[in-house]
C-alpha cells in the first residue's frame, strides 16, 4: 500500500505539532511546580498549598552538634553496687527520736554521716503537739530545736544512699484538733474533744478532714526525698470516754486503705504503727511496725498478723538487743551504736 505524498506530509506535520504541544505542556507544568513550591507547607498531616504566603518562610540552617565531653558510664556492679530494686526489703537499721534531736542533734548528725550505704534510718519529724521539725506549709514549725542541725540530718538522710523513713503521729495532734474540732474525737459528755493524759487531742480516723490532713503531710515528706513515712499512733485511744459510733477496727482498716491509695507508689512506702494484730495491712508498698514488744512475743505477733512476708512487711522498734527480733525487720536507737564500729 502506497501512502500519498500529501498524506505523509499531513501526518508528519501533525506529529510535529503534537510533540511541540507536549513539550510546551511539560515546560508550563515545570514552571508551575517551581512557582508553587514557595506556597507548599509541610506539617505532621502532610503537604498542602497555602497561597496566603507572600514570600518563602525563613528556616534555620542545620549545623552539626558541637562536640561535648564524653559521657561517663557507671557500671552498677560488684560489692559496692547500689540497690535499685523497687521491692521492699527487710529492715535492719536505726531510729532517731525527738529526745535525741532535742538533747544532742550534733551527735546524731555525726552518727548519721558514718552510717553505711542503704542503712534504714527512721527519724521523728513531728510531735504530738502538731509541730514539725522542718519548714512545713501544712502544720506549724517547732521553734525550740536546733533547726539548722536537724535540717542537715534530714538533708543527709534524703540525699545520700541511706533508706530514709519519716515518722509522724497519725491521729494524735493537739494543734490540728484544737483548730478543727469537727475532725476530732469528742468526749462522751459532749463538752468538746476528749484529751489524753498528755493533754493532747485525738483525731477521728473516719474523718475526711483528718485523712486529707495526713495525706498533705505525707506528700510533703515524700517531696523532701523520704523513701517511707511511718504513721505513728495509728489507733484509737485506749479509753471509754470518747463518743464514737461504728467499728473502730474497721474504721482503721478503711483509713489505712484510703491513705495507701492516695500516697503509696511502687517506689514509696506508707507504714502504720499499730497495737492491734487484728489490723489488716492494705496491699501495695506498705508495712506495719510494732513498738515496746518483748522478744518472746515476736513469733506469735508475726503469726497473728498473717502477713504475706512478715520478714519484710513487719518491723519492730526496740532498744533491746535480743537477736530474736532480727528474724524480722528491726530498728534500734542510733545512739546505742559505737561510733568506732561505724568508722
C-alpha atoms as a PDB file:
ATOM      1  CA  UNK A   1       0.000   0.000   0.000  1.00  0.00           C
ATOM      2  CA  UNK A   2       1.415   3.327  -1.109  1.00  0.00           C
ATOM      3  CA  UNK A   3       0.630   6.380   1.091  1.00  0.00           C
ATOM      4  CA  UNK A   4       0.308   9.517  -0.993  1.00  0.00           C
ATOM      5  CA  UNK A   5       2.914  12.264  -0.511  1.00  0.00           C
ATOM      6  CA  UNK A   6       0.320  14.793   0.714  1.00  0.00           C
ATOM      7  CA  UNK A   7      -0.915  12.345   3.364  1.00  0.00           C
ATOM      8  CA  UNK A   8       2.602  11.715   4.623  1.00  0.00           C
ATOM      9  CA  UNK A   9       3.256  15.424   4.920  1.00  0.00           C
ATOM     10  CA  UNK A  10      -0.024  15.872   6.817  1.00  0.00           C
ATOM     11  CA  UNK A  11       0.817  13.206   9.422  1.00  0.00           C
ATOM     12  CA  UNK A  12       4.392  14.481   9.739  1.00  0.00           C
ATOM     13  CA  UNK A  13       3.121  17.987  10.451  1.00  0.00           C
ATOM     14  CA  UNK A  14       0.560  16.627  12.911  1.00  0.00           C
ATOM     15  CA  UNK A  15       3.254  14.663  14.762  1.00  0.00           C
ATOM     16  CA  UNK A  16       5.480  17.734  14.906  1.00  0.00           C
ATOM     17  CA  UNK A  17       2.587  19.810  16.261  1.00  0.00           C
ATOM     18  CA  UNK A  18       1.700  17.238  18.913  1.00  0.00           C
ATOM     19  CA  UNK A  19       5.337  16.910  20.005  1.00  0.00           C
ATOM     20  CA  UNK A  20       5.638  20.673  20.313  1.00  0.00           C
ATOM     21  CA  UNK A  21       2.397  20.765  22.296  1.00  0.00           C
ATOM     22  CA  UNK A  22       3.660  18.084  24.674  1.00  0.00           C
ATOM     23  CA  UNK A  23       6.981  19.895  25.171  1.00  0.00           C
ATOM     24  CA  UNK A  24       5.116  23.137  25.836  1.00  0.00           C
ATOM     25  CA  UNK A  25       2.900  21.384  28.413  1.00  0.00           C
ATOM     26  CA  UNK A  26       5.934  19.932  30.172  1.00  0.00           C
ATOM     27  CA  UNK A  27       7.587  23.354  30.223  1.00  0.00           C
ATOM     28  CA  UNK A  28       4.488  25.064  31.625  1.00  0.00           C
ATOM     29  CA  UNK A  29       3.967  22.279  34.180  1.00  0.00           C
ATOM     30  CA  UNK A  30       7.583  22.525  35.349  1.00  0.00           C
ATOM     31  CA  UNK A  31       7.388  26.299  35.737  1.00  0.00           C
ATOM     32  CA  UNK A  32       4.071  25.911  37.591  1.00  0.00           C
ATOM     33  CA  UNK A  33       5.566  23.385  40.003  1.00  0.00           C
ATOM     34  CA  UNK A  34       8.620  25.554  40.666  1.00  0.00           C
ATOM     35  CA  UNK A  35       6.383  28.580  41.265  1.00  0.00           C
ATOM     36  CA  UNK A  36       4.054  26.623  43.557  1.00  0.00           C
ATOM     37  CA  UNK A  37       6.933  25.327  45.633  1.00  0.00           C
ATOM     38  CA  UNK A  38       7.055  28.558  47.658  1.00  0.00           C
ATOM     39  CA  UNK A  39       3.458  28.004  48.744  1.00  0.00           C
ATOM     40  CA  UNK A  40       3.880  24.403  49.880  1.00  0.00           C
ATOM     41  CA  UNK A  41       3.632  23.969  53.670  1.00  0.00           C
ATOM     42  CA  UNK A  42       4.750  20.706  55.257  1.00  0.00           C
ATOM     43  CA  UNK A  43       3.222  19.569  58.558  1.00  0.00           C
ATOM     44  CA  UNK A  44       2.525  16.403  60.548  1.00  0.00           C
ATOM     45  CA  UNK A  45      -0.615  15.950  58.432  1.00  0.00           C
ATOM     46  CA  UNK A  46       1.279  16.080  55.134  1.00  0.00           C
ATOM     47  CA  UNK A  47       1.943  18.745  52.469  1.00  0.00           C
ATOM     48  CA  UNK A  48      -0.574  21.396  51.439  1.00  0.00           C
ATOM     49  CA  UNK A  49      -0.683  24.679  49.449  1.00  0.00           C
ATOM     50  CA  UNK A  50      -1.071  27.981  51.244  1.00  0.00           C
ATOM     51  CA  UNK A  51      -1.443  30.883  48.787  1.00  0.00           C
ATOM     52  CA  UNK A  52      -1.576  33.387  51.651  1.00  0.00           C
ATOM     53  CA  UNK A  53       2.208  33.192  51.888  1.00  0.00           C
ATOM     54  CA  UNK A  54       3.752  36.231  50.200  1.00  0.00           C
ATOM     55  CA  UNK A  55       7.325  35.027  50.444  1.00  0.00           C
ATOM     56  CA  UNK A  56       9.139  31.848  51.461  1.00  0.00           C
ATOM     57  CA  UNK A  57       9.312  31.305  55.201  1.00  0.00           C
ATOM     58  CA  UNK A  58      12.768  31.561  56.685  1.00  0.00           C
ATOM     59  CA  UNK A  59      14.255  28.473  58.286  1.00  0.00           C
ATOM     60  CA  UNK A  60      17.245  27.660  60.427  1.00  0.00           C
ATOM     61  CA  UNK A  61      20.438  26.427  58.929  1.00  0.00           C
ATOM     62  CA  UNK A  62      21.192  22.885  60.015  1.00  0.00           C
ATOM     63  CA  UNK A  63      24.613  22.580  61.596  1.00  0.00           C
ATOM     64  CA  UNK A  64      26.305  19.575  63.215  1.00  0.00           C
ATOM     65  CA  UNK A  65      26.124  19.452  67.043  1.00  0.00           C
ATOM     66  CA  UNK A  66      29.032  20.853  68.972  1.00  0.00           C
ATOM     67  CA  UNK A  67      31.465  18.328  70.360  1.00  0.00           C
ATOM     68  CA  UNK A  68      30.849  17.591  74.044  1.00  0.00           C
ATOM     69  CA  UNK A  69      32.796  15.828  76.753  1.00  0.00           C
ATOM     70  CA  UNK A  70      32.470  12.055  76.597  1.00  0.00           C
ATOM     71  CA  UNK A  71      29.730  10.590  78.784  1.00  0.00           C
ATOM     72  CA  UNK A  72      30.966   8.627  81.781  1.00  0.00           C
ATOM     73  CA  UNK A  73      29.314   5.222  82.030  1.00  0.00           C
ATOM     74  CA  UNK A  74      28.876   3.859  85.543  1.00  0.00           C
ATOM     75  CA  UNK A  75      28.512   0.097  85.872  1.00  0.00           C
ATOM     76  CA  UNK A  76      26.416  -0.660  88.960  1.00  0.00           C
ATOM     77  CA  UNK A  77      28.160  -3.919  89.721  1.00  0.00           C
ATOM     78  CA  UNK A  78      30.306  -5.563  92.345  1.00  0.00           C
ATOM     79  CA  UNK A  79      30.149  -5.463  96.129  1.00  0.00           C
ATOM     80  CA  UNK A  80      29.556  -1.691  96.165  1.00  0.00           C
ATOM     81  CA  UNK A  81      26.617  -1.797  93.741  1.00  0.00           C
ATOM     82  CA  UNK A  82      23.579   0.227  94.775  1.00  0.00           C
ATOM     83  CA  UNK A  83      20.230  -1.453  95.295  1.00  0.00           C
ATOM     84  CA  UNK A  84      17.934  -0.085  92.565  1.00  0.00           C
ATOM     85  CA  UNK A  85      15.140  -2.597  93.093  1.00  0.00           C
ATOM     86  CA  UNK A  86      11.680  -1.240  93.867  1.00  0.00           C
ATOM     87  CA  UNK A  87      10.819  -4.256  96.031  1.00  0.00           C
ATOM     88  CA  UNK A  88      10.621  -3.799  99.803  1.00  0.00           C
ATOM     89  CA  UNK A  89      13.445  -5.418 101.722  1.00  0.00           C
ATOM     90  CA  UNK A  90      13.888  -6.487 105.327  1.00  0.00           C
ATOM     91  CA  UNK A  91      14.851  -3.631 107.621  1.00  0.00           C
ATOM     92  CA  UNK A  92      17.867  -3.660 109.895  1.00  0.00           C
ATOM     93  CA  UNK A  93      18.702  -0.145 110.946  1.00  0.00           C
ATOM     94  CA  UNK A  94      18.286   2.676 113.433  1.00  0.00           C
ATOM     95  CA  UNK A  95      15.800   5.199 114.753  1.00  0.00           C
ATOM     96  CA  UNK A  96      16.117   8.823 115.902  1.00  0.00           C
ATOM     97  CA  UNK A  97      13.690  10.168 118.499  1.00  0.00           C
ATOM     98  CA  UNK A  98      12.560  13.658 119.372  1.00  0.00           C
ATOM     99  CA  UNK A  99      14.546  13.439 122.619  1.00  0.00           C
ATOM    100  CA  UNK A 100      17.748  12.737 120.668  1.00  0.00           C
ATOM    101  CA  UNK A 101      17.090  15.712 118.388  1.00  0.00           C
ATOM    102  CA  UNK A 102      16.404  17.974 121.359  1.00  0.00           C
ATOM    103  CA  UNK A 103      19.314  16.912 123.578  1.00  0.00           C
ATOM    104  CA  UNK A 104      22.207  16.330 121.182  1.00  0.00           C
ATOM    105  CA  UNK A 105      21.443  16.834 117.477  1.00  0.00           C
ATOM    106  CA  UNK A 106      25.147  17.248 116.670  1.00  0.00           C
ATOM    107  CA  UNK A 107      25.890  13.748 117.939  1.00  0.00           C
ATOM    108  CA  UNK A 108      23.029  12.403 115.825  1.00  0.00           C
ATOM    109  CA  UNK A 109      24.393  14.182 112.752  1.00  0.00           C
ATOM    110  CA  UNK A 110      27.859  12.704 113.289  1.00  0.00           C
ATOM    111  CA  UNK A 111      26.441   9.199 113.650  1.00  0.00           C
ATOM    112  CA  UNK A 112      24.192   9.538 110.589  1.00  0.00           C
ATOM    113  CA  UNK A 113      27.153  10.627 108.452  1.00  0.00           C
ATOM    114  CA  UNK A 114      29.030   7.455 109.402  1.00  0.00           C
ATOM    115  CA  UNK A 115      26.266   5.017 108.501  1.00  0.00           C
ATOM    116  CA  UNK A 116      26.897   2.581 105.625  1.00  0.00           C
ATOM    117  CA  UNK A 117      25.001   2.855 102.338  1.00  0.00           C
ATOM    118  CA  UNK A 118      21.435   1.519 102.262  1.00  0.00           C
ATOM    119  CA  UNK A 119      21.131   1.573 106.071  1.00  0.00           C
ATOM    120  CA  UNK A 120      17.499   2.254 107.097  1.00  0.00           C
ATOM    121  CA  UNK A 121      17.074   5.252 109.409  1.00  0.00           C
ATOM    122  CA  UNK A 122      13.778   6.335 110.964  1.00  0.00           C
ATOM    123  CA  UNK A 123      13.546   9.916 112.237  1.00  0.00           C
ATOM    124  CA  UNK A 124      10.681  11.640 114.044  1.00  0.00           C
ATOM    125  CA  UNK A 125       9.606  14.680 112.016  1.00  0.00           C
ATOM    126  CA  UNK A 126       6.620  15.927 114.019  1.00  0.00           C
ATOM    127  CA  UNK A 127       5.495  15.859 117.645  1.00  0.00           C
ATOM    128  CA  UNK A 128       2.085  15.130 119.161  1.00  0.00           C
ATOM    129  CA  UNK A 129       1.525  18.834 119.742  1.00  0.00           C
ATOM    130  CA  UNK A 130       1.376  19.140 115.964  1.00  0.00           C
ATOM    131  CA  UNK A 131       4.686  20.940 115.309  1.00  0.00           C
ATOM    132  CA  UNK A 132       7.042  19.857 112.516  1.00  0.00           C
ATOM    133  CA  UNK A 133      10.839  19.612 112.613  1.00  0.00           C
ATOM    134  CA  UNK A 134      11.037  21.060 109.104  1.00  0.00           C
ATOM    135  CA  UNK A 135       9.626  24.033 107.220  1.00  0.00           C
ATOM    136  CA  UNK A 136       6.094  22.813 106.585  1.00  0.00           C
ATOM    137  CA  UNK A 137       3.273  24.526 104.730  1.00  0.00           C
ATOM    138  CA  UNK A 138       0.689  22.243 106.339  1.00  0.00           C
ATOM    139  CA  UNK A 139       1.477  22.404 110.067  1.00  0.00           C
ATOM    140  CA  UNK A 140       3.313  24.815 112.407  1.00  0.00           C
ATOM    141  CA  UNK A 141       7.069  24.505 112.895  1.00  0.00           C
ATOM    142  CA  UNK A 142       8.692  23.607 116.219  1.00  0.00           C
ATOM    143  CA  UNK A 143      10.879  26.558 117.201  1.00  0.00           C
ATOM    144  CA  UNK A 144      12.702  25.365 120.336  1.00  0.00           C
ATOM    145  CA  UNK A 145      15.029  22.984 118.460  1.00  0.00           C
ATOM    146  CA  UNK A 146      18.306  23.305 116.600  1.00  0.00           C
ATOM    147  CA  UNK A 147      16.584  23.518 113.221  1.00  0.00           C
ATOM    148  CA  UNK A 148      19.847  24.109 111.353  1.00  0.00           C
ATOM    149  CA  UNK A 149      21.409  20.847 112.559  1.00  0.00           C
ATOM    150  CA  UNK A 150      18.170  18.922 112.095  1.00  0.00           C
ATOM    151  CA  UNK A 151      17.989  20.222 108.518  1.00  0.00           C
ATOM    152  CA  UNK A 152      21.498  18.880 107.918  1.00  0.00           C
ATOM    153  CA  UNK A 153      20.464  15.496 109.312  1.00  0.00           C
ATOM    154  CA  UNK A 154      17.407  15.359 107.078  1.00  0.00           C
ATOM    155  CA  UNK A 155      19.392  16.540 104.056  1.00  0.00           C
ATOM    156  CA  UNK A 156      21.965  13.777 104.546  1.00  0.00           C
ATOM    157  CA  UNK A 157      19.269  11.148 105.039  1.00  0.00           C
ATOM    158  CA  UNK A 158      17.335  12.098 101.928  1.00  0.00           C
ATOM    159  CA  UNK A 159      20.225  12.870  99.572  1.00  0.00           C
ATOM    160  CA  UNK A 160      22.603  10.043 100.424  1.00  0.00           C
ATOM    161  CA  UNK A 161      22.241   6.325  99.768  1.00  0.00           C
ATOM    162  CA  UNK A 162      20.509   5.724 103.096  1.00  0.00           C
ATOM    163  CA  UNK A 163      16.924   4.468 103.304  1.00  0.00           C
ATOM    164  CA  UNK A 164      15.125   7.405 104.922  1.00  0.00           C
ATOM    165  CA  UNK A 165      11.946   6.871 106.962  1.00  0.00           C
ATOM    166  CA  UNK A 166       9.994   9.772 108.460  1.00  0.00           C
ATOM    167  CA  UNK A 167       7.761   9.189 111.479  1.00  0.00           C
ATOM    168  CA  UNK A 168       4.801  11.417 112.307  1.00  0.00           C
ATOM    169  CA  UNK A 169       1.814  10.948 114.630  1.00  0.00           C
ATOM    170  CA  UNK A 170      -1.307   9.919 112.751  1.00  0.00           C
ATOM    171  CA  UNK A 171      -4.322  10.641 114.942  1.00  0.00           C
ATOM    172  CA  UNK A 172      -2.698  12.359 117.918  1.00  0.00           C
ATOM    173  CA  UNK A 173      -2.371  16.082 117.204  1.00  0.00           C
ATOM    174  CA  UNK A 174      -3.218  18.833 119.698  1.00  0.00           C
ATOM    175  CA  UNK A 175      -2.940  21.823 117.339  1.00  0.00           C
ATOM    176  CA  UNK A 176      -4.915  20.381 114.447  1.00  0.00           C
ATOM    177  CA  UNK A 177      -7.569  19.039 116.812  1.00  0.00           C
ATOM    178  CA  UNK A 178      -7.864  22.420 118.540  1.00  0.00           C
ATOM    179  CA  UNK A 179      -8.349  24.240 115.246  1.00  0.00           C
ATOM    180  CA  UNK A 180     -10.506  21.567 113.589  1.00  0.00           C
ATOM    181  CA  UNK A 181     -12.893  20.308 116.242  1.00  0.00           C
ATOM    182  CA  UNK A 182     -15.281  18.532 113.793  1.00  0.00           C
ATOM    183  CA  UNK A 183     -12.396  16.226 112.765  1.00  0.00           C
ATOM    184  CA  UNK A 184     -11.559  15.176 116.329  1.00  0.00           C
ATOM    185  CA  UNK A 185     -12.879  12.577 118.781  1.00  0.00           C
ATOM    186  CA  UNK A 186     -15.438  14.222 121.108  1.00  0.00           C
ATOM    187  CA  UNK A 187     -15.721  13.486 124.797  1.00  0.00           C
ATOM    188  CA  UNK A 188     -18.732  11.294 125.535  1.00  0.00           C
ATOM    189  CA  UNK A 189     -20.132  14.085 127.699  1.00  0.00           C
ATOM    190  CA  UNK A 190     -20.386  16.237 124.571  1.00  0.00           C
ATOM    191  CA  UNK A 191     -18.254  19.002 126.100  1.00  0.00           C
ATOM    192  CA  UNK A 192     -15.517  19.399 123.481  1.00  0.00           C
ATOM    193  CA  UNK A 193     -12.874  16.953 122.335  1.00  0.00           C
ATOM    194  CA  UNK A 194     -11.503  14.211 124.551  1.00  0.00           C
ATOM    195  CA  UNK A 195      -7.968  14.916 125.861  1.00  0.00           C
ATOM    196  CA  UNK A 196      -5.441  12.268 126.942  1.00  0.00           C
ATOM    197  CA  UNK A 197      -3.017  12.290 129.877  1.00  0.00           C
ATOM    198  CA  UNK A 198      -0.500  14.309 127.840  1.00  0.00           C
ATOM    199  CA  UNK A 199      -3.224  16.927 127.278  1.00  0.00           C
ATOM    200  CA  UNK A 200      -3.373  16.037 123.590  1.00  0.00           C
ATOM    201  CA  UNK A 201      -6.412  15.780 121.328  1.00  0.00           C
ATOM    202  CA  UNK A 202      -7.043  12.784 119.068  1.00  0.00           C
ATOM    203  CA  UNK A 203      -8.368  12.902 115.507  1.00  0.00           C
ATOM    204  CA  UNK A 204     -11.190  10.787 114.148  1.00  0.00           C
ATOM    205  CA  UNK A 205      -9.773   8.104 111.770  1.00  0.00           C
ATOM    206  CA  UNK A 206     -13.103   8.105 109.952  1.00  0.00           C
ATOM    207  CA  UNK A 207     -12.997  11.834 109.240  1.00  0.00           C
ATOM    208  CA  UNK A 208     -12.249  13.024 105.696  1.00  0.00           C
ATOM    209  CA  UNK A 209     -10.649  16.171 107.115  1.00  0.00           C
ATOM    210  CA  UNK A 210      -8.217  14.194 109.288  1.00  0.00           C
ATOM    211  CA  UNK A 211      -7.250  11.867 106.424  1.00  0.00           C
ATOM    212  CA  UNK A 212      -6.752  14.742 103.980  1.00  0.00           C
ATOM    213  CA  UNK A 213      -4.501  16.410 106.556  1.00  0.00           C
ATOM    214  CA  UNK A 214      -2.370  13.269 106.815  1.00  0.00           C
ATOM    215  CA  UNK A 215      -2.146  12.951 103.034  1.00  0.00           C
ATOM    216  CA  UNK A 216      -0.836  16.525 102.819  1.00  0.00           C
ATOM    217  CA  UNK A 217       1.845  15.827 105.441  1.00  0.00           C
ATOM    218  CA  UNK A 218       2.907  12.576 103.778  1.00  0.00           C
ATOM    219  CA  UNK A 219       3.155  14.251 100.378  1.00  0.00           C
ATOM    220  CA  UNK A 220       5.368  16.969 101.874  1.00  0.00           C
ATOM    221  CA  UNK A 221       7.749  14.382 103.296  1.00  0.00           C
ATOM    222  CA  UNK A 222       7.707  12.397 100.070  1.00  0.00           C
ATOM    223  CA  UNK A 223       8.688  15.546  98.153  1.00  0.00           C
ATOM    224  CA  UNK A 224      11.587  16.077 100.587  1.00  0.00           C
ATOM    225  CA  UNK A 225      13.055  12.739  99.480  1.00  0.00           C
ATOM    226  CA  UNK A 226      11.942  10.286 102.153  1.00  0.00           C
ATOM    227  CA  UNK A 227      11.561   6.693 100.980  1.00  0.00           C
ATOM    228  CA  UNK A 228       8.936   5.821 103.565  1.00  0.00           C
ATOM    229  CA  UNK A 229       6.616   7.508 106.063  1.00  0.00           C
ATOM    230  CA  UNK A 230       5.515   5.793 109.255  1.00  0.00           C
ATOM    231  CA  UNK A 231       2.201   6.931 110.706  1.00  0.00           C
ATOM    232  CA  UNK A 232       2.566   6.545 114.455  1.00  0.00           C
ATOM    233  CA  UNK A 233      -0.386   6.231 116.857  1.00  0.00           C
ATOM    234  CA  UNK A 234      -2.447   4.648 114.087  1.00  0.00           C
ATOM    235  CA  UNK A 235      -5.168   3.656 116.518  1.00  0.00           C
ATOM    236  CA  UNK A 236      -7.988   4.858 118.711  1.00  0.00           C
ATOM    237  CA  UNK A 237      -7.007   5.987 122.223  1.00  0.00           C
ATOM    238  CA  UNK A 238      -7.405   3.324 124.915  1.00  0.00           C
ATOM    239  CA  UNK A 239     -10.349   4.893 126.711  1.00  0.00           C
ATOM    240  CA  UNK A 240     -14.104   4.548 127.058  1.00  0.00           C
ATOM    241  CA  UNK A 241     -14.552   8.309 127.420  1.00  0.00           C
ATOM    242  CA  UNK A 242     -14.872   9.116 123.701  1.00  0.00           C
ATOM    243  CA  UNK A 243     -18.017   9.325 121.659  1.00  0.00           C
ATOM    244  CA  UNK A 244     -17.744   7.190 118.523  1.00  0.00           C
ATOM    245  CA  UNK A 245     -20.238   5.046 116.663  1.00  0.00           C
ATOM    246  CA  UNK A 246     -19.221   2.161 114.439  1.00  0.00           C
ATOM    247  CA  UNK A 247     -16.465  -0.427 114.418  1.00  0.00           C
ATOM    248  CA  UNK A 248     -13.107   1.017 115.443  1.00  0.00           C
ATOM    249  CA  UNK A 249     -11.099  -1.776 113.814  1.00  0.00           C
ATOM    250  CA  UNK A 250     -12.968  -1.494 110.506  1.00  0.00           C
ATOM    251  CA  UNK A 251     -12.586   2.286 110.577  1.00  0.00           C
ATOM    252  CA  UNK A 252      -8.806   1.973 110.972  1.00  0.00           C
ATOM    253  CA  UNK A 253      -8.566  -0.600 108.172  1.00  0.00           C
ATOM    254  CA  UNK A 254     -10.608   1.646 105.880  1.00  0.00           C
ATOM    255  CA  UNK A 255      -8.474   4.681 106.774  1.00  0.00           C
ATOM    256  CA  UNK A 256      -5.284   2.733 106.046  1.00  0.00           C
ATOM    257  CA  UNK A 257      -6.614   1.673 102.657  1.00  0.00           C
ATOM    258  CA  UNK A 258      -7.591   5.217 101.696  1.00  0.00           C
ATOM    259  CA  UNK A 259      -4.224   6.612 102.753  1.00  0.00           C
ATOM    260  CA  UNK A 260      -2.367   3.860 100.892  1.00  0.00           C
ATOM    261  CA  UNK A 261      -4.314   4.523  97.716  1.00  0.00           C
ATOM    262  CA  UNK A 262      -3.555   8.235  97.967  1.00  0.00           C
ATOM    263  CA  UNK A 263       0.131   8.062  98.913  1.00  0.00           C
ATOM    264  CA  UNK A 264       1.865   4.730  98.291  1.00  0.00           C
ATOM    265  CA  UNK A 265       3.607   4.105  94.963  1.00  0.00           C
ATOM    266  CA  UNK A 266       5.926   1.466  93.556  1.00  0.00           C
ATOM    267  CA  UNK A 267       8.841   3.472  94.976  1.00  0.00           C
ATOM    268  CA  UNK A 268       7.320   4.989  98.123  1.00  0.00           C
ATOM    269  CA  UNK A 269       6.193   3.025 101.167  1.00  0.00           C
ATOM    270  CA  UNK A 270       3.476   4.020 103.632  1.00  0.00           C
ATOM    271  CA  UNK A 271       3.633   2.286 107.018  1.00  0.00           C
ATOM    272  CA  UNK A 272       1.478   2.067 110.129  1.00  0.00           C
ATOM    273  CA  UNK A 273       2.445   1.781 113.806  1.00  0.00           C
ATOM    274  CA  UNK A 274      -0.300  -0.412 115.264  1.00  0.00           C
ATOM    275  CA  UNK A 275      -1.199  -2.014 118.581  1.00  0.00           C
ATOM    276  CA  UNK A 276      -3.886  -4.453 117.410  1.00  0.00           C
ATOM    277  CA  UNK A 277      -2.830  -7.557 115.477  1.00  0.00           C
ATOM    278  CA  UNK A 278      -6.351  -7.780 114.002  1.00  0.00           C
ATOM    279  CA  UNK A 279      -5.285  -4.927 111.727  1.00  0.00           C
ATOM    280  CA  UNK A 280      -5.355  -5.777 108.025  1.00  0.00           C
ATOM    281  CA  UNK A 281      -2.448  -4.275 106.111  1.00  0.00           C
ATOM    282  CA  UNK A 282      -3.504  -2.815 102.732  1.00  0.00           C
ATOM    283  CA  UNK A 283      -1.975  -4.325  99.614  1.00  0.00           C
ATOM    284  CA  UNK A 284       0.827  -2.434  97.944  1.00  0.00           C
ATOM    285  CA  UNK A 285       4.074  -0.947  99.165  1.00  0.00           C
ATOM    286  CA  UNK A 286       3.112  -0.928 102.851  1.00  0.00           C
ATOM    287  CA  UNK A 287       4.476  -2.156 106.175  1.00  0.00           C
ATOM    288  CA  UNK A 288       3.405  -2.468 109.843  1.00  0.00           C
ATOM    289  CA  UNK A 289       5.530  -1.515 112.836  1.00  0.00           C
ATOM    290  CA  UNK A 290       5.230  -2.592 116.453  1.00  0.00           C
ATOM    291  CA  UNK A 291       6.872  -0.868 119.414  1.00  0.00           C
ATOM    292  CA  UNK A 292       7.726  -1.804 123.014  1.00  0.00           C
ATOM    293  CA  UNK A 293       7.222  -5.553 122.478  1.00  0.00           C
ATOM    294  CA  UNK A 294       9.096  -8.369 124.192  1.00  0.00           C
ATOM    295  CA  UNK A 295      11.312 -10.686 122.179  1.00  0.00           C
ATOM    296  CA  UNK A 296       9.328 -13.686 123.448  1.00  0.00           C
ATOM    297  CA  UNK A 297       6.225 -12.398 121.636  1.00  0.00           C
ATOM    298  CA  UNK A 298       7.874 -11.761 118.276  1.00  0.00           C
ATOM    299  CA  UNK A 299       6.964 -15.025 116.566  1.00  0.00           C
ATOM    300  CA  UNK A 300       3.398 -15.013 117.930  1.00  0.00           C
ATOM    301  CA  UNK A 301       2.822 -11.465 116.704  1.00  0.00           C
ATOM    302  CA  UNK A 302       4.054 -12.404 113.231  1.00  0.00           C
ATOM    303  CA  UNK A 303       1.622 -15.317 113.097  1.00  0.00           C
ATOM    304  CA  UNK A 304      -1.333 -13.251 114.305  1.00  0.00           C
ATOM    305  CA  UNK A 305      -0.800 -10.522 111.719  1.00  0.00           C
ATOM    306  CA  UNK A 306      -0.919 -13.108 108.883  1.00  0.00           C
ATOM    307  CA  UNK A 307       1.237 -11.037 106.562  1.00  0.00           C
ATOM    308  CA  UNK A 308       2.318 -12.254 103.141  1.00  0.00           C
ATOM    309  CA  UNK A 309       6.009 -11.928 104.068  1.00  0.00           C
ATOM    310  CA  UNK A 310       6.415 -10.912 107.731  1.00  0.00           C
ATOM    311  CA  UNK A 311      10.205 -10.684 107.440  1.00  0.00           C
ATOM    312  CA  UNK A 312       9.712  -7.739 105.073  1.00  0.00           C
ATOM    313  CA  UNK A 313       6.242  -6.436 105.897  1.00  0.00           C
ATOM    314  CA  UNK A 314       6.761  -6.208 109.667  1.00  0.00           C
ATOM    315  CA  UNK A 315       9.323  -4.274 111.694  1.00  0.00           C
ATOM    316  CA  UNK A 316       9.981  -3.765 115.407  1.00  0.00           C
ATOM    317  CA  UNK A 317      11.135  -0.554 117.073  1.00  0.00           C
ATOM    318  CA  UNK A 318      13.070  -1.566 120.159  1.00  0.00           C
ATOM    319  CA  UNK A 319      16.079  -0.732 122.286  1.00  0.00           C
ATOM    320  CA  UNK A 320      16.576  -4.417 123.132  1.00  0.00           C
ATOM    321  CA  UNK A 321      19.495  -6.285 121.563  1.00  0.00           C
ATOM    322  CA  UNK A 322      17.756  -9.676 121.671  1.00  0.00           C
ATOM    323  CA  UNK A 323      18.523 -11.446 118.373  1.00  0.00           C
ATOM    324  CA  UNK A 324      15.002 -12.881 118.113  1.00  0.00           C
ATOM    325  CA  UNK A 325      13.953  -9.506 116.676  1.00  0.00           C
ATOM    326  CA  UNK A 326      16.458  -9.933 113.849  1.00  0.00           C
ATOM    327  CA  UNK A 327      14.333 -12.589 112.141  1.00  0.00           C
ATOM    328  CA  UNK A 328      12.098  -9.676 111.065  1.00  0.00           C
ATOM    329  CA  UNK A 329      12.635  -6.003 110.430  1.00  0.00           C
ATOM    330  CA  UNK A 330      14.124  -4.195 113.404  1.00  0.00           C
ATOM    331  CA  UNK A 331      15.206  -0.628 114.191  1.00  0.00           C
ATOM    332  CA  UNK A 332      17.305   0.208 117.247  1.00  0.00           C
ATOM    333  CA  UNK A 333      18.356   3.612 118.700  1.00  0.00           C
ATOM    334  CA  UNK A 334      21.171   5.211 116.745  1.00  0.00           C
ATOM    335  CA  UNK A 335      22.743   6.433 119.977  1.00  0.00           C
ATOM    336  CA  UNK A 336      23.310   2.822 121.090  1.00  0.00           C
ATOM    337  CA  UNK A 337      25.806   2.300 118.281  1.00  0.00           C
ATOM    338  CA  UNK A 338      29.509   2.552 118.957  1.00  0.00           C
ATOM    339  CA  UNK A 339      30.852   5.291 116.621  1.00  0.00           C
ATOM    340  CA  UNK A 340      34.057   3.276 116.204  1.00  0.00           C
ATOM    341  CA  UNK A 341      32.026   0.446 114.690  1.00  0.00           C
ATOM    342  CA  UNK A 342      30.661   2.811 112.040  1.00  0.00           C
ATOM    343  CA  UNK A 343      34.036   4.275 111.098  1.00  0.00           C
END
